[in-house]
Amino acid sequence: MIYLTVITVGNLKESYWREAVAEYEKRLNTFCKPTLLQLKEARLPENPSEGEIRSALADEGRRILEAIPPRAYSIALCVEGKQFSSEELAAKLEGVIASESGNLCLIIGSSHGLADEVKTACQLRLSVSKLTFPHQMMRPLLLEVLYRSFSIIKGTKYHK
């Protein structure tokens, strides 16, 4: 059994993002046991200083690290991460699943990113694209990417 944990920081405000997440969570059930953990975003003033942002990221980082399941292969989503094609990511995940405990954990930080401690604790840093996307869009986008990867691994028709 593959256990998939996706840790995110912050709430999805619009219903269409929540609906997309629910749809891909339902689809992922075909391939794995998904768990979506949504952590509260640290409060920041309207125009935070760099120090306030660092402090918020440190607070979020501590809570993220506590939420990573034991023995999970953890992947931090960050702009400086490695980029893969769909097939390459599927192959990477398939190798991880085969050689690890079958536990995957992917982490999306807040709109300010992830604390360095979280990135360092993860076995892989992943960048979905060089393009910039709205923070709210990353959750459904990541779940689609994971669903596509599992579809490739299982040889279904979803990925063409």
C-alpha atoms as a PDB file:
ATOM      1  CA  MET A   1       0.000   0.000   0.000  1.00  0.00           C
ATOM      2  CA  ILE A   2       1.257   3.440  -0.921  1.00  0.00           C
ATOM      3  CA  TYR A   3       0.637   6.157   1.653  1.00  0.00           C
ATOM      4  CA  LEU A   4       0.639   9.681   0.237  1.00  0.00           C
ATOM      5  CA  THR A   5       0.665  12.679   2.547  1.00  0.00           C
ATOM      6  CA  VAL A   6       0.441  16.200   1.170  1.00  0.00           C
ATOM      7  CA  ILE A   7       1.187  18.883   3.745  1.00  0.00           C
ATOM      8  CA  THR A   8       0.067  22.397   2.858  1.00  0.00           C
ATOM      9  CA  VAL A   9       0.102  25.719   4.655  1.00  0.00           C
ATOM     10  CA  GLY A  10      -2.929  27.981   4.449  1.00  0.00           C
ATOM     11  CA  ASN A  11      -6.547  27.634   3.437  1.00  0.00           C
ATOM     12  CA  LEU A  12      -8.035  27.392  -0.022  1.00  0.00           C
ATOM     13  CA  LYS A  13     -10.350  30.383  -0.202  1.00  0.00           C
ATOM     14  CA  GLU A  14     -12.240  29.726  -3.428  1.00  0.00           C
ATOM     15  CA  SER A  15     -14.660  26.827  -3.744  1.00  0.00           C
ATOM     16  CA  TYR A  16     -13.398  25.878  -7.214  1.00  0.00           C
ATOM     17  CA  TRP A  17      -9.918  25.119  -5.800  1.00  0.00           C
ATOM     18  CA  ARG A  18     -11.453  23.029  -3.012  1.00  0.00           C
ATOM     19  CA  GLU A  19     -13.590  21.171  -5.569  1.00  0.00           C
ATOM     20  CA  ALA A  20     -10.540  20.450  -7.754  1.00  0.00           C
ATOM     21  CA  VAL A  21      -8.614  19.164  -4.732  1.00  0.00           C
ATOM     22  CA  ALA A  22     -11.529  16.923  -3.740  1.00  0.00           C
ATOM     23  CA  GLU A  23     -11.760  15.529  -7.285  1.00  0.00           C
ATOM     24  CA  TYR A  24      -8.057  14.640  -7.481  1.00  0.00           C
ATOM     25  CA  GLU A  25      -8.065  13.261  -3.936  1.00  0.00           C
ATOM     26  CA  LYS A  26     -10.916  10.964  -5.006  1.00  0.00           C
ATOM     27  CA  ARG A  27      -9.003   9.931  -8.152  1.00  0.00           C
ATOM     28  CA  LEU A  28      -5.809   9.265  -6.170  1.00  0.00           C
ATOM     29  CA  ASN A  29      -7.694   6.755  -4.007  1.00  0.00           C
ATOM     30  CA  THR A  30      -7.403   4.366  -6.972  1.00  0.00           C
ATOM     31  CA  PHE A  31      -3.613   4.242  -6.554  1.00  0.00           C
ATOM     32  CA  CYS A  32      -2.826   5.112  -2.947  1.00  0.00           C
ATOM     33  CA  LYS A  33      -4.138   6.202   0.423  1.00  0.00           C
ATOM     34  CA  PRO A  34      -3.969  10.020   0.258  1.00  0.00           C
ATOM     35  CA  THR A  35      -3.963  12.227   3.335  1.00  0.00           C
ATOM     36  CA  LEU A  36      -4.133  15.994   2.926  1.00  0.00           C
ATOM     37  CA  LEU A  37      -2.915  17.949   5.952  1.00  0.00           C
ATOM     38  CA  GLN A  38      -3.680  21.650   5.952  1.00  0.00           C
ATOM     39  CA  LEU A  39      -1.675  23.637   8.506  1.00  0.00           C
ATOM     40  CA  LYS A  40      -2.547  27.135   9.617  1.00  0.00           C
ATOM     41  CA  GLU A  41      -0.525  29.908   8.012  1.00  0.00           C
ATOM     42  CA  ALA A  42       1.408  32.093  10.458  1.00  0.00           C
ATOM     43  CA  ARG A  43      -0.162  35.514  10.922  1.00  0.00           C
ATOM     44  CA  LEU A  44       1.684  38.393   9.350  1.00  0.00           C
ATOM     45  CA  PRO A  45       0.956  42.116   9.159  1.00  0.00           C
ATOM     46  CA  GLU A  46      -0.143  43.688   5.861  1.00  0.00           C
ATOM     47  CA  ASN A  47       3.428  44.656   4.859  1.00  0.00           C
ATOM     48  CA  PRO A  48       5.691  42.269   6.776  1.00  0.00           C
ATOM     49  CA  SER A  49       9.390  42.885   7.236  1.00  0.00           C
ATOM     50  CA  GLU A  50      11.961  40.284   6.185  1.00  0.00           C
ATOM     51  CA  GLY A  51      12.425  39.399   9.865  1.00  0.00           C
ATOM     52  CA  GLU A  52       8.701  38.863  10.357  1.00  0.00           C
ATOM     53  CA  ILE A  53       8.576  36.634   7.274  1.00  0.00           C
ATOM     54  CA  ARG A  54      11.580  34.601   8.499  1.00  0.00           C
ATOM     55  CA  SER A  55       9.936  34.198  11.898  1.00  0.00           C
ATOM     56  CA  ALA A  56       6.649  33.080  10.296  1.00  0.00           C
ATOM     57  CA  LEU A  57       8.473  30.594   8.059  1.00  0.00           C
ATOM     58  CA  ALA A  58      10.354  29.212  11.086  1.00  0.00           C
ATOM     59  CA  ASP A  59       7.061  28.720  12.959  1.00  0.00           C
ATOM     60  CA  GLU A  60       5.430  27.050   9.955  1.00  0.00           C
ATOM     61  CA  GLY A  61       8.580  24.988   9.390  1.00  0.00           C
ATOM     62  CA  ARG A  62       8.501  23.550  12.920  1.00  0.00           C
ATOM     63  CA  ARG A  63       4.880  22.498  12.459  1.00  0.00           C
ATOM     64  CA  ILE A  64       5.582  21.022   9.016  1.00  0.00           C
ATOM     65  CA  LEU A  65       8.508  18.969  10.323  1.00  0.00           C
ATOM     66  CA  GLU A  66       6.319  17.621  13.140  1.00  0.00           C
ATOM     67  CA  ALA A  67       3.644  16.598  10.592  1.00  0.00           C
ATOM     68  CA  ILE A  68       5.920  14.605   8.254  1.00  0.00           C
ATOM     69  CA  PRO A  69       5.091  10.922   8.763  1.00  0.00           C
ATOM     70  CA  PRO A  70       7.923   8.745  10.103  1.00  0.00           C
ATOM     71  CA  ARG A  71       9.977   6.992   7.412  1.00  0.00           C
ATOM     72  CA  ALA A  72       8.286   8.998   4.646  1.00  0.00           C
ATOM     73  CA  TYR A  73      10.267  10.058   1.606  1.00  0.00           C
ATOM     74  CA  SER A  74       9.674  13.793   1.771  1.00  0.00           C
ATOM     75  CA  ILE A  75       9.614  16.202  -1.156  1.00  0.00           C
ATOM     76  CA  ALA A  76       9.612  19.987  -0.753  1.00  0.00           C
ATOM     77  CA  LEU A  77       8.039  22.054  -3.495  1.00  0.00           C
ATOM     78  CA  CYS A  78      10.221  25.080  -4.054  1.00  0.00           C
ATOM     79  CA  VAL A  79      11.331  27.293  -6.943  1.00  0.00           C
ATOM     80  CA  GLU A  80      14.946  26.117  -6.759  1.00  0.00           C
ATOM     81  CA  GLY A  81      13.922  22.468  -6.929  1.00  0.00           C
ATOM     82  CA  LYS A  82      14.597  19.969  -9.698  1.00  0.00           C
ATOM     83  CA  GLN A  83      12.228  19.906 -12.646  1.00  0.00           C
ATOM     84  CA  PHE A  84      11.028  16.651 -14.190  1.00  0.00           C
ATOM     85  CA  SER A  85       8.927  15.711 -17.172  1.00  0.00           C
ATOM     86  CA  SER A  86       5.779  13.751 -16.299  1.00  0.00           C
ATOM     87  CA  GLU A  87       7.484  10.491 -17.257  1.00  0.00           C
ATOM     88  CA  GLU A  88      10.644  11.337 -15.303  1.00  0.00           C
ATOM     89  CA  LEU A  89       8.676  12.184 -12.168  1.00  0.00           C
ATOM     90  CA  ALA A  90       6.647   8.984 -12.476  1.00  0.00           C
ATOM     91  CA  ALA A  91       9.882   6.976 -12.756  1.00  0.00           C
ATOM     92  CA  LYS A  92      11.361   8.795  -9.746  1.00  0.00           C
ATOM     93  CA  LEU A  93       8.272   8.162  -7.621  1.00  0.00           C
ATOM     94  CA  GLU A  94       8.115   4.531  -8.735  1.00  0.00           C
ATOM     95  CA  GLY A  95      11.735   4.054  -7.667  1.00  0.00           C
ATOM     96  CA  VAL A  96      11.134   5.752  -4.326  1.00  0.00           C
ATOM     97  CA  ILE A  97       8.033   3.647  -3.663  1.00  0.00           C
ATOM     98  CA  ALA A  98       9.915   0.454  -4.509  1.00  0.00           C
ATOM     99  CA  SER A  99      12.966   1.245  -2.386  1.00  0.00           C
ATOM    100  CA  GLU A 100      11.399   3.117   0.541  1.00  0.00           C
ATOM    101  CA  SER A 101       8.587   2.300   2.927  1.00  0.00           C
ATOM    102  CA  GLY A 102       5.877   3.195   0.403  1.00  0.00           C
ATOM    103  CA  ASN A 103       5.330   6.474   2.243  1.00  0.00           C
ATOM    104  CA  LEU A 104       5.517   9.681   0.241  1.00  0.00           C
ATOM    105  CA  CYS A 105       5.140  13.148   1.711  1.00  0.00           C
ATOM    106  CA  LEU A 106       4.993  16.274  -0.436  1.00  0.00           C
ATOM    107  CA  ILE A 107       5.075  19.721   1.117  1.00  0.00           C
ATOM    108  CA  ILE A 108       3.720  23.035  -0.145  1.00  0.00           C
ATOM    109  CA  GLY A 109       4.660  25.998   2.036  1.00  0.00           C
ATOM    110  CA  SER A 110       2.847  29.277   2.480  1.00  0.00           C
ATOM    111  CA  SER A 111       2.820  32.070  -0.078  1.00  0.00           C
ATOM    112  CA  HIS A 112       6.206  33.085   1.374  1.00  0.00           C
ATOM    113  CA  GLY A 113       7.692  29.638   0.714  1.00  0.00           C
ATOM    114  CA  LEU A 114       9.314  27.115   3.027  1.00  0.00           C
ATOM    115  CA  ALA A 115      11.810  27.425   5.849  1.00  0.00           C
ATOM    116  CA  ASP A 116      15.311  26.254   4.953  1.00  0.00           C
ATOM    117  CA  GLU A 117      15.031  23.637   7.731  1.00  0.00           C
ATOM    118  CA  VAL A 118      12.153  21.990   5.885  1.00  0.00           C
ATOM    119  CA  LYS A 119      13.991  22.015   2.553  1.00  0.00           C
ATOM    120  CA  THR A 120      17.078  20.514   4.217  1.00  0.00           C
ATOM    121  CA  ALA A 121      15.036  17.786   5.921  1.00  0.00           C
ATOM    122  CA  CYS A 122      13.504  16.658   2.625  1.00  0.00           C
ATOM    123  CA  GLN A 123      15.130  14.077   0.358  1.00  0.00           C
ATOM    124  CA  LEU A 124      14.099  15.962  -2.796  1.00  0.00           C
ATOM    125  CA  ARG A 125      13.324  19.518  -3.788  1.00  0.00           C
ATOM    126  CA  LEU A 126      10.814  19.667  -6.618  1.00  0.00           C
ATOM    127  CA  SER A 127       9.909  22.562  -8.890  1.00  0.00           C
ATOM    128  CA  VAL A 128       6.738  22.107 -10.908  1.00  0.00           C
ATOM    129  CA  SER A 129       7.711  24.827 -13.389  1.00  0.00           C
ATOM    130  CA  LYS A 130       9.836  27.911 -13.927  1.00  0.00           C
ATOM    131  CA  LEU A 131       6.543  29.767 -14.324  1.00  0.00           C
ATOM    132  CA  THR A 132       4.950  31.524 -11.372  1.00  0.00           C
ATOM    133  CA  PHE A 133       1.461  30.352 -10.358  1.00  0.00           C
ATOM    134  CA  PRO A 134      -0.979  31.672  -7.763  1.00  0.00           C
ATOM    135  CA  HIS A 135      -0.251  29.990  -4.441  1.00  0.00           C
ATOM    136  CA  GLN A 136      -3.819  28.675  -4.228  1.00  0.00           C
ATOM    137  CA  MET A 137      -3.395  26.890  -7.583  1.00  0.00           C
ATOM    138  CA  MET A 138      -0.438  24.785  -6.438  1.00  0.00           C
ATOM    139  CA  ARG A 139      -2.470  22.333  -4.375  1.00  0.00           C
ATOM    140  CA  PRO A 140      -4.765  21.130  -7.201  1.00  0.00           C
ATOM    141  CA  LEU A 141      -1.856  21.342  -9.649  1.00  0.00           C
ATOM    142  CA  LEU A 142       0.321  19.107  -7.455  1.00  0.00           C
ATOM    143  CA  LEU A 143      -2.490  16.597  -6.990  1.00  0.00           C
ATOM    144  CA  GLU A 144      -2.998  16.461 -10.770  1.00  0.00           C
ATOM    145  CA  VAL A 145       0.741  15.912 -11.243  1.00  0.00           C
ATOM    146  CA  LEU A 146       0.656  13.069  -8.702  1.00  0.00           C
ATOM    147  CA  TYR A 147      -2.428  11.524 -10.290  1.00  0.00           C
ATOM    148  CA  ARG A 148      -0.718  11.696 -13.694  1.00  0.00           C
ATOM    149  CA  SER A 149       2.440  10.109 -12.252  1.00  0.00           C
ATOM    150  CA  PHE A 150       0.515   7.200 -10.737  1.00  0.00           C
ATOM    151  CA  SER A 151      -1.415   6.809 -14.012  1.00  0.00           C
ATOM    152  CA  ILE A 152       1.882   6.538 -15.894  1.00  0.00           C
ATOM    153  CA  ILE A 153       3.224   4.018 -13.373  1.00  0.00           C
ATOM    154  CA  LYS A 154       0.083   1.861 -13.701  1.00  0.00           C
ATOM    155  CA  GLY A 155      -0.114   2.302 -17.476  1.00  0.00           C
ATOM    156  CA  THR A 156      -3.603   3.802 -17.627  1.00  0.00           C
ATOM    157  CA  LYS A 157      -4.865   5.914 -20.519  1.00  0.00           C
ATOM    158  CA  TYR A 158      -4.955   9.187 -18.554  1.00  0.00           C
ATOM    159  CA  HIS A 159      -1.469  10.237 -19.657  1.00  0.00           C
ATOM    160  CA  LYS A 160      -1.234  10.530 -23.421  1.00  0.00           C
END
